[in-house]
Amino acid sequence: MEITIQLDSAHKPLELFGPSDSNLRLLRKSLGVRITARQDYLVVAGNDSDVAKAAQVIDKMQKHLLKHRLLAAADISAFVSESGQDKSTDTSQAITVFSKKIIEPNTAGQLKYVETMLNNDLTFCIGPAGTGKTYLAVAIAVSMLKKRQIRRIVLARPAVEAGEKLGFLPGDLQAKVNPYLRPLFDALEDMMDFGQMRKFMELDIIEIIPLAFMRGRTLNESVVICDEAQNTMPLQMLMVLTRLGHGSKMIITGDITQIDLEKGQKSGMIEAIETLRRIKGIGFVELTQKDIVRHRLVQKIVLAYKKKAKSD
């Protein structure tokens, strides 16, 4: 069996192949395959199972190099040891973005979330702070834009006060709502350089807007992300859901334990999940404290507050 593996153009062959092709020699010796190196591709030959393992290892080498920008012999040995193992326990699902890095889910819950977004046109995701709800949704949107699977990204949040009033913030309307949209800017800035992001925003390829600005629009060939959706009212959520156009995906994210609506108002996100759960083609994901990937203390903080709420 012989296969040709096209290499990612972002890689420098020296980094992937190793000094004097030492990484390739390690692969040849470990897996018993023949590898012929070219500038932008590799030809791997041998028996079927060994070639398949080599392809798997080379794929992991490329992902590791993109993510960490370094590739050591110890990394390759670990990939060889893992090759051929049952993939059902693997949480890798590489998401390529504009920056020279790849984004991958770190937990089984995050993997399910990524797969659900890819397989459905509408996805609801609930979970506590730090589980990557917003970040992974933005990553999927940016990846689809890079692959030209969509023409536009629309990121929206309800501008609901959490203990502070918008009217007391300084500046015009844009300045007042910017703090609410800042987490979306932060996620984007991690996936492309600032100049590219500014250009996309000037061309309306990327829009970051308060939720109310979506009214009356039909969004075709877009990824629409409604973040902090627990703070939408039922009519607002219906308005958002009916913006979905042809060739588009919509991702609704929120933490239903942190609702900032006035007392007595029902969350539009909770009502939507209850109403739409049985409709085929809509995905639902619930992340838990086990999926928190921020500082280790965040997981403990969320768990402590959860226990307190149960005891009250």
Protein backbone atom coordinates (compact mmCIF):
# COMPACT_ATOMS: atom_id res chain seq x y z
CA MET A 1 0.00 0.00 0.00
CA GLU A 2 1.20 3.50 -0.84
CA ILE A 3 -0.38 6.84 0.04
CA THR A 4 0.51 10.48 -0.53
CA ILE A 5 0.00 12.87 2.39
CA GLN A 6 -0.33 16.55 1.52
CA LEU A 7 1.32 18.69 4.19
CA ASP A 8 -0.14 21.82 5.68
CA SER A 9 1.34 24.85 3.92
CA ALA A 10 1.88 26.61 7.27
CA HIS A 11 4.51 24.08 8.30
CA LYS A 12 8.17 24.48 7.58
CA PRO A 13 9.40 21.07 6.37
CA LEU A 14 12.48 21.26 8.60
CA GLU A 15 10.31 21.52 11.72
CA LEU A 16 8.11 18.61 10.70
CA PHE A 17 10.80 16.35 9.26
CA GLY A 18 13.36 17.15 11.97
CA PRO A 19 17.07 17.98 11.60
CA SER A 20 18.47 15.79 8.81
CA ASP A 21 15.01 14.14 8.60
CA SER A 22 15.44 12.66 12.08
CA ASN A 23 11.68 12.65 12.75
CA LEU A 24 11.03 10.70 9.57
CA ARG A 25 13.77 8.22 10.41
CA LEU A 26 12.13 7.65 13.77
CA LEU A 27 8.82 6.94 12.03
CA ARG A 28 10.43 4.54 9.57
CA LYS A 29 12.12 2.61 12.38
CA SER A 30 9.13 2.57 14.72
CA LEU A 31 6.45 1.63 12.19
CA GLY A 32 8.39 -0.28 9.56
CA VAL A 33 7.27 1.92 6.66
CA ARG A 34 9.07 3.62 3.79
CA ILE A 35 8.72 7.41 3.73
CA THR A 36 9.80 9.61 0.84
CA ALA A 37 9.88 13.33 1.65
CA ARG A 38 9.06 16.12 -0.74
CA GLN A 39 8.70 19.83 -0.02
CA ASP A 40 4.94 19.80 0.51
CA TYR A 41 4.00 16.11 0.68
CA LEU A 42 5.10 12.72 1.94
CA VAL A 43 4.81 9.34 0.23
CA VAL A 44 4.31 6.51 2.72
CA ALA A 45 4.55 2.86 1.64
CA GLY A 46 4.31 -0.48 3.44
CA ASN A 47 1.64 -2.92 4.59
CA ASP A 48 -1.86 -1.54 5.07
CA SER A 49 -1.98 -1.39 8.87
CA ASP A 50 1.49 0.19 9.22
CA VAL A 51 0.74 2.82 6.58
CA ALA A 52 -2.55 3.66 8.31
CA LYS A 53 -0.73 4.07 11.63
CA ALA A 54 1.92 6.26 9.98
CA ALA A 55 -0.76 8.50 8.46
CA GLN A 56 -2.39 8.83 11.87
CA VAL A 57 0.92 9.75 13.51
CA ILE A 58 1.83 12.29 10.80
CA ASP A 59 -1.58 13.93 11.22
CA LYS A 60 -0.97 14.25 14.98
CA MET A 61 2.53 15.61 14.32
CA GLN A 62 1.12 18.35 12.10
CA LYS A 63 -1.60 19.28 14.63
CA HIS A 64 0.92 19.34 17.47
CA LEU A 65 3.27 21.56 15.48
CA LEU A 66 0.46 23.99 14.68
CA LYS A 67 -0.65 24.16 18.29
CA HIS A 68 2.70 24.21 20.09
CA ARG A 69 5.13 25.28 17.31
CA LEU A 70 7.60 22.69 18.59
CA LEU A 71 7.90 18.99 17.87
CA ALA A 72 10.23 16.75 19.88
CA ALA A 73 11.23 13.11 19.42
CA ALA A 74 9.39 12.31 22.67
CA ASP A 75 6.16 13.70 21.16
CA ILE A 76 6.52 11.47 18.12
CA SER A 77 7.23 8.40 20.26
CA ALA A 78 4.04 9.12 22.23
CA PHE A 79 2.04 9.44 19.00
CA VAL A 80 3.45 6.13 17.77
CA SER A 81 2.45 4.44 21.04
CA GLU A 82 -1.07 5.82 20.70
CA SER A 83 -1.46 4.86 17.03
CA GLY A 84 -4.02 2.19 16.28
CA GLN A 85 -5.76 2.58 19.64
CA ASP A 86 -9.54 2.75 19.90
CA LYS A 87 -10.58 6.20 18.66
CA SER A 88 -13.75 6.18 20.76
CA THR A 89 -11.80 7.70 23.68
CA ASP A 90 -10.13 10.35 21.51
CA THR A 91 -11.27 13.93 22.12
CA SER A 92 -9.36 15.40 19.18
CA GLN A 93 -11.35 17.40 16.65
CA ALA A 94 -9.00 19.92 15.13
CA ILE A 95 -10.50 23.31 14.27
CA THR A 96 -8.30 25.39 11.99
CA VAL A 97 -8.57 29.17 12.23
CA PHE A 98 -6.73 32.11 10.65
CA SER A 99 -3.98 32.30 13.27
CA LYS A 100 -1.16 29.75 13.18
CA LYS A 101 -2.76 27.46 15.70
CA ILE A 102 -5.39 24.79 15.92
CA ILE A 103 -8.18 24.61 18.47
CA GLU A 104 -9.31 21.30 19.89
CA PRO A 105 -11.88 20.26 22.48
CA ASN A 106 -10.25 19.28 25.75
CA THR A 107 -13.04 17.17 27.27
CA ALA A 108 -15.58 14.62 26.10
CA GLY A 109 -18.34 17.19 26.65
CA GLN A 110 -16.58 19.75 24.48
CA LEU A 111 -16.04 17.10 21.78
CA LYS A 112 -19.77 16.35 21.77
CA TYR A 113 -20.45 20.10 21.52
CA VAL A 114 -18.16 20.52 18.49
CA GLU A 115 -19.66 17.47 16.74
CA THR A 116 -23.19 18.71 17.46
CA MET A 117 -22.43 22.12 15.96
CA LEU A 118 -20.96 20.51 12.84
CA ASN A 119 -23.89 18.11 12.40
CA ASN A 120 -26.82 20.46 13.04
CA ASP A 121 -27.98 23.78 11.62
CA LEU A 122 -29.21 24.89 15.05
CA THR A 123 -27.45 24.06 18.32
CA PHE A 124 -28.30 25.00 21.89
CA CYS A 125 -25.50 24.76 24.45
CA ILE A 126 -25.89 25.43 28.17
CA GLY A 127 -23.18 25.21 30.79
CA PRO A 128 -21.33 27.12 33.51
CA ALA A 129 -18.60 29.70 33.03
CA GLY A 130 -15.31 28.44 31.64
CA THR A 131 -16.62 25.48 29.64
CA GLY A 132 -15.76 27.00 26.26
CA LYS A 133 -19.34 27.57 25.08
CA THR A 134 -18.58 30.86 23.35
CA TYR A 135 -14.97 30.15 22.39
CA LEU A 136 -15.68 26.88 20.58
CA ALA A 137 -18.73 28.35 18.81
CA VAL A 138 -16.61 31.26 17.53
CA ALA A 139 -13.89 28.79 16.49
CA ILE A 140 -16.37 26.78 14.40
CA ALA A 141 -17.62 30.00 12.78
CA VAL A 142 -14.11 31.25 11.98
CA SER A 143 -13.10 27.83 10.62
CA MET A 144 -16.13 27.77 8.30
CA LEU A 145 -15.33 31.31 7.13
CA LYS A 146 -11.73 30.33 6.42
CA LYS A 147 -12.94 27.33 4.36
CA ARG A 148 -15.41 29.61 2.53
CA GLN A 149 -18.34 27.49 3.67
CA ILE A 150 -20.09 30.68 4.76
CA ARG A 151 -19.88 34.35 3.83
CA ARG A 152 -20.53 36.02 7.17
CA ILE A 153 -20.30 35.65 10.94
CA VAL A 154 -22.84 37.40 13.16
CA LEU A 155 -22.12 37.46 16.88
CA ALA A 156 -24.86 38.84 19.11
CA ARG A 157 -25.49 39.29 22.81
CA PRO A 158 -28.41 40.77 24.75
CA ALA A 159 -27.30 43.97 26.51
CA VAL A 160 -28.86 43.08 29.85
CA GLU A 161 -27.53 44.77 32.96
CA ALA A 162 -26.11 42.51 35.66
CA GLY A 163 -26.39 44.85 38.63
CA GLU A 164 -25.22 47.93 36.70
CA LYS A 165 -27.25 50.27 34.51
CA LEU A 166 -26.25 51.07 30.94
CA GLY A 167 -27.36 54.64 31.34
CA PHE A 168 -24.69 55.35 33.93
CA LEU A 169 -21.85 54.14 31.69
CA PRO A 170 -19.92 56.92 29.90
CA GLY A 171 -20.00 57.47 26.13
CA ASP A 172 -22.44 56.96 23.26
CA LEU A 173 -24.48 53.82 22.56
CA GLN A 174 -21.54 51.99 20.98
CA ALA A 175 -19.36 52.72 23.99
CA LYS A 176 -22.13 51.59 26.33
CA VAL A 177 -22.66 48.19 24.67
CA ASN A 178 -18.99 47.40 23.97
CA PRO A 179 -18.41 45.92 27.45
CA TYR A 180 -21.18 43.40 26.77
CA LEU A 181 -19.60 42.38 23.46
CA ARG A 182 -16.00 42.27 24.73
CA PRO A 183 -15.87 38.46 25.25
CA LEU A 184 -16.72 37.99 21.57
CA PHE A 185 -13.89 40.34 20.53
CA ASP A 186 -11.52 38.44 22.84
CA ALA A 187 -12.37 35.10 21.22
CA LEU A 188 -11.91 36.50 17.71
CA GLU A 189 -8.58 38.13 18.55
CA ASP A 190 -7.26 34.71 19.54
CA MET A 191 -8.11 33.31 16.10
CA MET A 192 -6.90 36.01 13.72
CA ASP A 193 -4.68 39.07 13.86
CA PHE A 194 -6.20 42.44 14.70
CA GLY A 195 -5.75 43.88 11.21
CA GLN A 196 -7.59 40.99 9.61
CA MET A 197 -10.40 41.18 12.16
CA ARG A 198 -10.79 44.94 11.59
CA LYS A 199 -10.89 44.43 7.82
CA PHE A 200 -13.58 41.74 8.13
CA MET A 201 -15.62 44.01 10.38
CA GLU A 202 -15.31 46.97 8.00
CA LEU A 203 -16.59 44.77 5.17
CA ASP A 204 -19.43 43.41 7.37
CA ILE A 205 -18.04 39.91 6.97
CA ILE A 206 -17.94 39.81 10.77
CA GLU A 207 -20.59 41.64 12.79
CA ILE A 208 -20.55 41.90 16.58
CA ILE A 209 -23.82 43.47 17.62
CA PRO A 210 -26.37 43.81 20.41
CA LEU A 211 -29.23 41.36 19.98
CA ALA A 212 -31.80 44.03 19.13
CA PHE A 213 -29.88 44.90 15.93
CA MET A 214 -30.86 41.52 14.42
CA ARG A 215 -34.54 42.38 14.10
CA GLY A 216 -35.97 42.26 10.57
CA ARG A 217 -32.99 40.48 8.98
CA THR A 218 -32.63 37.16 7.18
CA LEU A 219 -29.10 35.80 7.47
CA ASN A 220 -28.11 33.50 4.62
CA GLU A 221 -24.77 31.64 4.34
CA SER A 222 -23.82 32.76 7.83
CA VAL A 223 -22.92 31.43 11.23
CA VAL A 224 -25.06 33.25 13.78
CA ILE A 225 -24.02 32.99 17.43
CA CYS A 226 -26.34 34.24 20.16
CA ASP A 227 -24.26 34.35 23.33
CA GLU A 228 -25.55 34.83 26.90
CA ALA A 229 -28.92 33.70 25.57
CA GLN A 230 -30.22 32.95 29.06
CA ASN A 231 -30.83 36.71 29.24
CA THR A 232 -33.20 36.80 26.26
CA MET A 233 -36.94 37.07 26.75
CA PRO A 234 -39.19 34.60 24.87
CA LEU A 235 -40.12 37.04 22.09
CA GLN A 236 -36.46 38.01 21.64
CA MET A 237 -35.45 34.36 21.32
CA LEU A 238 -38.19 33.75 18.75
CA MET A 239 -36.93 36.78 16.81
CA VAL A 240 -33.38 35.41 16.84
CA LEU A 241 -34.37 31.87 15.80
CA THR A 242 -36.38 33.15 12.84
CA ARG A 243 -33.36 35.03 11.43
CA LEU A 244 -31.86 31.71 10.24
CA GLY A 245 -31.49 31.71 6.47
CA HIS A 246 -30.40 29.29 3.75
CA GLY A 247 -26.94 27.74 4.12
CA SER A 248 -26.57 29.04 7.67
CA LYS A 249 -25.86 27.67 11.13
CA MET A 250 -27.06 29.13 14.40
CA ILE A 251 -25.51 28.47 17.83
CA ILE A 252 -27.31 29.55 20.99
CA THR A 253 -25.19 29.55 24.15
CA GLY A 254 -25.88 30.46 27.75
CA ASP A 255 -25.61 29.66 31.44
CA ILE A 256 -29.11 29.14 32.84
CA THR A 257 -27.78 29.45 36.40
CA GLN A 258 -26.88 33.12 35.77
CA ILE A 259 -30.06 34.78 34.52
CA ASP A 260 -30.03 38.59 34.88
CA LEU A 261 -33.61 39.24 33.76
CA GLU A 262 -35.98 41.02 36.09
CA LYS A 263 -37.71 38.84 38.65
CA GLY A 264 -40.71 37.04 37.19
CA GLN A 265 -39.48 37.13 33.57
CA LYS A 266 -38.91 33.73 31.96
CA SER A 267 -35.74 33.10 30.02
CA GLY A 268 -36.32 32.77 26.28
CA MET A 269 -33.52 30.22 26.10
CA ILE A 270 -35.15 27.92 28.65
CA GLU A 271 -38.52 28.22 26.88
CA ALA A 272 -36.92 27.50 23.49
CA ILE A 273 -35.18 24.36 24.76
CA GLU A 274 -38.43 23.11 26.29
CA THR A 275 -40.39 23.88 23.10
CA LEU A 276 -37.95 22.65 20.44
CA ARG A 277 -36.28 19.65 22.07
CA ARG A 278 -38.15 17.08 19.96
CA ILE A 279 -37.47 18.69 16.56
CA LYS A 280 -35.06 16.73 14.38
CA GLY A 281 -32.09 18.74 13.15
CA ILE A 282 -31.72 20.78 16.32
CA GLY A 283 -28.86 19.78 18.62
CA PHE A 284 -28.77 20.18 22.40
CA VAL A 285 -25.63 20.03 24.54
CA GLU A 286 -25.25 20.49 28.28
CA LEU A 287 -21.73 21.10 29.55
CA THR A 288 -20.91 20.66 33.25
CA GLN A 289 -18.22 21.67 35.69
CA LYS A 290 -16.20 18.70 34.39
CA ASP A 291 -15.81 20.62 31.11
CA ILE A 292 -14.37 23.78 32.68
CA VAL A 293 -10.99 24.53 31.12
CA ARG A 294 -10.10 27.82 32.79
CA HIS A 295 -8.01 28.06 35.96
CA ARG A 296 -8.44 24.95 38.15
CA LEU A 297 -10.10 27.09 40.84
CA VAL A 298 -12.99 28.01 38.50
CA GLN A 299 -14.25 24.41 38.56
CA LYS A 300 -14.16 24.40 42.37
CA ILE A 301 -15.91 27.79 42.55
CA VAL A 302 -18.75 26.63 40.28
CA LEU A 303 -19.15 23.42 42.27
CA ALA A 304 -19.22 25.30 45.59
CA TYR A 305 -21.96 27.66 44.40
CA LYS A 306 -23.93 24.72 42.98
CA LYS A 307 -23.83 22.97 46.37
CA LYS A 308 -24.88 26.19 48.13
CA ALA A 309 -27.86 26.64 45.80
CA LYS A 310 -29.05 23.12 46.58
CA SER A 311 -28.80 23.70 50.34
CA ASP A 312 -30.65 27.05 50.30
